[in-house]
C-alpha cells in the first residue's frame, strides 16, 4: 500500500513539473510595467525578471543631476522586479496550489512555498 501511494505521489510530482515548465515558458511572454518619478522612468519586465525595455522621459535627463536619474532608474527596476516576482508566484501557485496539499508531511518545494 505504501508503494502505491509513493507511485501516486511521484506521478503527481512529474505532472506538476511539466505544468511548471509550461508556466516558466509562459512567464517569458508575460510582462509587468513599473514607473518612478511620476512616470519619468518606465521599466517593462517579463515574468522571468528580465528587463524588456526602459523608457526615460526627456525631462528626467538633467546633466546637472545625473544622480536623480540613476535613482529613478533603480527605483523603477526594483519595483519591476517585485511586480514580476509577484506575477511569477501567482502563476506558479495556480499549478502547485492543489497539488502541494497532497505531498507527504507537508513537503515544501523550494521556489513554490
C-alpha atoms as a PDB file:
ATOM      1  CA  UNK A   1       0.000   0.000   0.000  1.00  0.00           C
ATOM      2  CA  UNK A   2       2.858   2.391   0.802  1.00  0.00           C
ATOM      3  CA  UNK A   3       4.495   1.754  -2.580  1.00  0.00           C
ATOM      4  CA  UNK A   4       1.271   2.557  -4.398  1.00  0.00           C
ATOM      5  CA  UNK A   5       0.984   5.817  -2.510  1.00  0.00           C
ATOM      6  CA  UNK A   6       4.583   6.719  -3.367  1.00  0.00           C
ATOM      7  CA  UNK A   7       3.971   5.923  -7.031  1.00  0.00           C
ATOM      8  CA  UNK A   8       0.950   8.223  -6.994  1.00  0.00           C
ATOM      9  CA  UNK A   9       2.944  10.982  -5.350  1.00  0.00           C
ATOM     10  CA  UNK A  10       5.745  10.550  -7.890  1.00  0.00           C
ATOM     11  CA  UNK A  11       3.273  10.740 -10.789  1.00  0.00           C
ATOM     12  CA  UNK A  12       1.774  13.883  -9.271  1.00  0.00           C
ATOM     13  CA  UNK A  13       5.216  15.468  -8.961  1.00  0.00           C
ATOM     14  CA  UNK A  14       6.026  14.623 -12.581  1.00  0.00           C
ATOM     15  CA  UNK A  15       2.757  16.194 -13.724  1.00  0.00           C
ATOM     16  CA  UNK A  16       3.445  19.280 -11.637  1.00  0.00           C
ATOM     17  CA  UNK A  17       6.960  19.536 -13.084  1.00  0.00           C
ATOM     18  CA  UNK A  18       5.581  19.513 -16.637  1.00  0.00           C
ATOM     19  CA  UNK A  19       2.997  22.137 -15.741  1.00  0.00           C
ATOM     20  CA  UNK A  20       5.686  24.287 -14.103  1.00  0.00           C
ATOM     21  CA  UNK A  21       7.774  24.103 -17.286  1.00  0.00           C
ATOM     22  CA  UNK A  22       4.762  25.414 -19.223  1.00  0.00           C
ATOM     23  CA  UNK A  23       4.313  28.238 -16.716  1.00  0.00           C
ATOM     24  CA  UNK A  24       8.000  29.192 -16.937  1.00  0.00           C
ATOM     25  CA  UNK A  25       7.722  29.378 -20.727  1.00  0.00           C
ATOM     26  CA  UNK A  26       4.560  31.495 -20.462  1.00  0.00           C
ATOM     27  CA  UNK A  27       6.221  33.859 -17.970  1.00  0.00           C
ATOM     28  CA  UNK A  28       8.776  34.750 -20.616  1.00  0.00           C
ATOM     29  CA  UNK A  29       5.977  36.400 -22.624  1.00  0.00           C
ATOM     30  CA  UNK A  30       4.100  37.962 -19.690  1.00  0.00           C
ATOM     31  CA  UNK A  31       5.133  41.482 -18.714  1.00  0.00           C
ATOM     32  CA  UNK A  32       4.732  43.995 -15.924  1.00  0.00           C
ATOM     33  CA  UNK A  33       5.323  47.726 -16.065  1.00  0.00           C
ATOM     34  CA  UNK A  34       6.798  49.825 -13.292  1.00  0.00           C
ATOM     35  CA  UNK A  35       7.350  53.570 -13.123  1.00  0.00           C
ATOM     36  CA  UNK A  36       9.109  56.069 -10.924  1.00  0.00           C
ATOM     37  CA  UNK A  37       9.260  59.831 -10.756  1.00  0.00           C
ATOM     38  CA  UNK A  38       5.630  60.181 -11.736  1.00  0.00           C
ATOM     39  CA  UNK A  39       6.203  58.271 -14.958  1.00  0.00           C
ATOM     40  CA  UNK A  40       9.541  59.842 -15.836  1.00  0.00           C
ATOM     41  CA  UNK A  41      11.131  56.383 -15.929  1.00  0.00           C
ATOM     42  CA  UNK A  42       9.221  53.307 -17.088  1.00  0.00           C
ATOM     43  CA  UNK A  43      10.548  49.752 -16.959  1.00  0.00           C
ATOM     44  CA  UNK A  44       8.908  46.784 -18.670  1.00  0.00           C
ATOM     45  CA  UNK A  45       9.992  43.409 -17.321  1.00  0.00           C
ATOM     46  CA  UNK A  46       8.897  39.866 -18.092  1.00  0.00           C
ATOM     47  CA  UNK A  47       7.882  37.162 -15.637  1.00  0.00           C
ATOM     48  CA  UNK A  48      11.414  35.795 -15.599  1.00  0.00           C
ATOM     49  CA  UNK A  49      12.754  39.074 -14.193  1.00  0.00           C
ATOM     50  CA  UNK A  50      14.365  40.133 -17.465  1.00  0.00           C
ATOM     51  CA  UNK A  51      14.130  43.776 -18.476  1.00  0.00           C
ATOM     52  CA  UNK A  52      12.441  44.162 -21.844  1.00  0.00           C
ATOM     53  CA  UNK A  53      12.644  47.948 -22.072  1.00  0.00           C
ATOM     54  CA  UNK A  54      13.402  51.148 -20.199  1.00  0.00           C
ATOM     55  CA  UNK A  55      11.882  54.461 -21.260  1.00  0.00           C
ATOM     56  CA  UNK A  56      13.161  57.747 -19.901  1.00  0.00           C
ATOM     57  CA  UNK A  57      11.212  60.970 -20.306  1.00  0.00           C
ATOM     58  CA  UNK A  58      13.408  63.726 -21.738  1.00  0.00           C
ATOM     59  CA  UNK A  59      12.531  65.925 -18.756  1.00  0.00           C
ATOM     60  CA  UNK A  60      14.267  63.423 -16.459  1.00  0.00           C
ATOM     61  CA  UNK A  61      17.580  63.973 -18.232  1.00  0.00           C
ATOM     62  CA  UNK A  62      19.365  66.770 -16.422  1.00  0.00           C
ATOM     63  CA  UNK A  63      23.147  66.763 -16.965  1.00  0.00           C
ATOM     64  CA  UNK A  64      23.469  68.674 -13.690  1.00  0.00           C
ATOM     65  CA  UNK A  65      21.623  65.952 -11.737  1.00  0.00           C
ATOM     66  CA  UNK A  66      22.571  62.562 -13.136  1.00  0.00           C
ATOM     67  CA  UNK A  67      22.219  61.053  -9.664  1.00  0.00           C
ATOM     68  CA  UNK A  68      18.467  61.735  -9.654  1.00  0.00           C
ATOM     69  CA  UNK A  69      18.057  59.894 -12.962  1.00  0.00           C
ATOM     70  CA  UNK A  70      20.091  56.970 -11.627  1.00  0.00           C
ATOM     71  CA  UNK A  71      17.858  56.840  -8.539  1.00  0.00           C
ATOM     72  CA  UNK A  72      14.711  56.889 -10.692  1.00  0.00           C
ATOM     73  CA  UNK A  73      16.016  54.013 -12.811  1.00  0.00           C
ATOM     74  CA  UNK A  74      16.941  51.961  -9.737  1.00  0.00           C
ATOM     75  CA  UNK A  75      13.512  52.613  -8.193  1.00  0.00           C
ATOM     76  CA  UNK A  76      11.656  51.604 -11.360  1.00  0.00           C
ATOM     77  CA  UNK A  77      13.769  48.462 -11.849  1.00  0.00           C
ATOM     78  CA  UNK A  78      13.272  47.401  -8.223  1.00  0.00           C
ATOM     79  CA  UNK A  79       9.529  47.966  -8.484  1.00  0.00           C
ATOM     80  CA  UNK A  80       9.511  45.952 -11.721  1.00  0.00           C
ATOM     81  CA  UNK A  81      11.370  43.101 -10.040  1.00  0.00           C
ATOM     82  CA  UNK A  82       8.832  42.988  -7.218  1.00  0.00           C
ATOM     83  CA  UNK A  83       5.878  43.032  -9.605  1.00  0.00           C
ATOM     84  CA  UNK A  84       7.484  40.375 -11.794  1.00  0.00           C
ATOM     85  CA  UNK A  85       8.193  38.113  -8.813  1.00  0.00           C
ATOM     86  CA  UNK A  86       4.623  38.510  -7.574  1.00  0.00           C
ATOM     87  CA  UNK A  87       3.267  37.662 -11.017  1.00  0.00           C
ATOM     88  CA  UNK A  88       5.522  34.598 -11.258  1.00  0.00           C
ATOM     89  CA  UNK A  89       4.478  33.460  -7.789  1.00  0.00           C
ATOM     90  CA  UNK A  90       0.789  33.822  -8.667  1.00  0.00           C
ATOM     91  CA  UNK A  91       1.229  31.829 -11.868  1.00  0.00           C
ATOM     92  CA  UNK A  92       3.228  29.028 -10.231  1.00  0.00           C
ATOM     93  CA  UNK A  93       0.819  28.759  -7.324  1.00  0.00           C
ATOM     94  CA  UNK A  94      -2.013  28.178  -9.807  1.00  0.00           C
ATOM     95  CA  UNK A  95      -0.216  24.984 -10.831  1.00  0.00           C
ATOM     96  CA  UNK A  96       1.053  23.994  -7.407  1.00  0.00           C
ATOM     97  CA  UNK A  97      -1.990  25.060  -5.385  1.00  0.00           C
ATOM     98  CA  UNK A  98      -3.970  21.841  -5.139  1.00  0.00           C
ATOM     99  CA  UNK A  99      -1.083  19.508  -5.744  1.00  0.00           C
ATOM    100  CA  UNK A 100       1.160  20.524  -2.853  1.00  0.00           C
ATOM    101  CA  UNK A 101      -1.506  19.721  -0.303  1.00  0.00           C
ATOM    102  CA  UNK A 102      -1.172  16.043  -1.181  1.00  0.00           C
ATOM    103  CA  UNK A 103       2.551  15.804  -0.526  1.00  0.00           C
ATOM    104  CA  UNK A 104       3.611  13.716   2.471  1.00  0.00           C
ATOM    105  CA  UNK A 105       4.277  15.629   5.679  1.00  0.00           C
ATOM    106  CA  UNK A 106       3.588  18.994   4.077  1.00  0.00           C
ATOM    107  CA  UNK A 107       6.752  18.699   1.999  1.00  0.00           C
ATOM    108  CA  UNK A 108       7.917  22.077   0.794  1.00  0.00           C
ATOM    109  CA  UNK A 109       9.348  22.564  -2.671  1.00  0.00           C
ATOM    110  CA  UNK A 110      11.870  25.418  -2.955  1.00  0.00           C
ATOM    111  CA  UNK A 111      10.558  28.275  -5.048  1.00  0.00           C
ATOM    112  CA  UNK A 112       6.950  27.198  -4.586  1.00  0.00           C
ATOM    113  CA  UNK A 113       6.386  27.504  -0.878  1.00  0.00           C
END
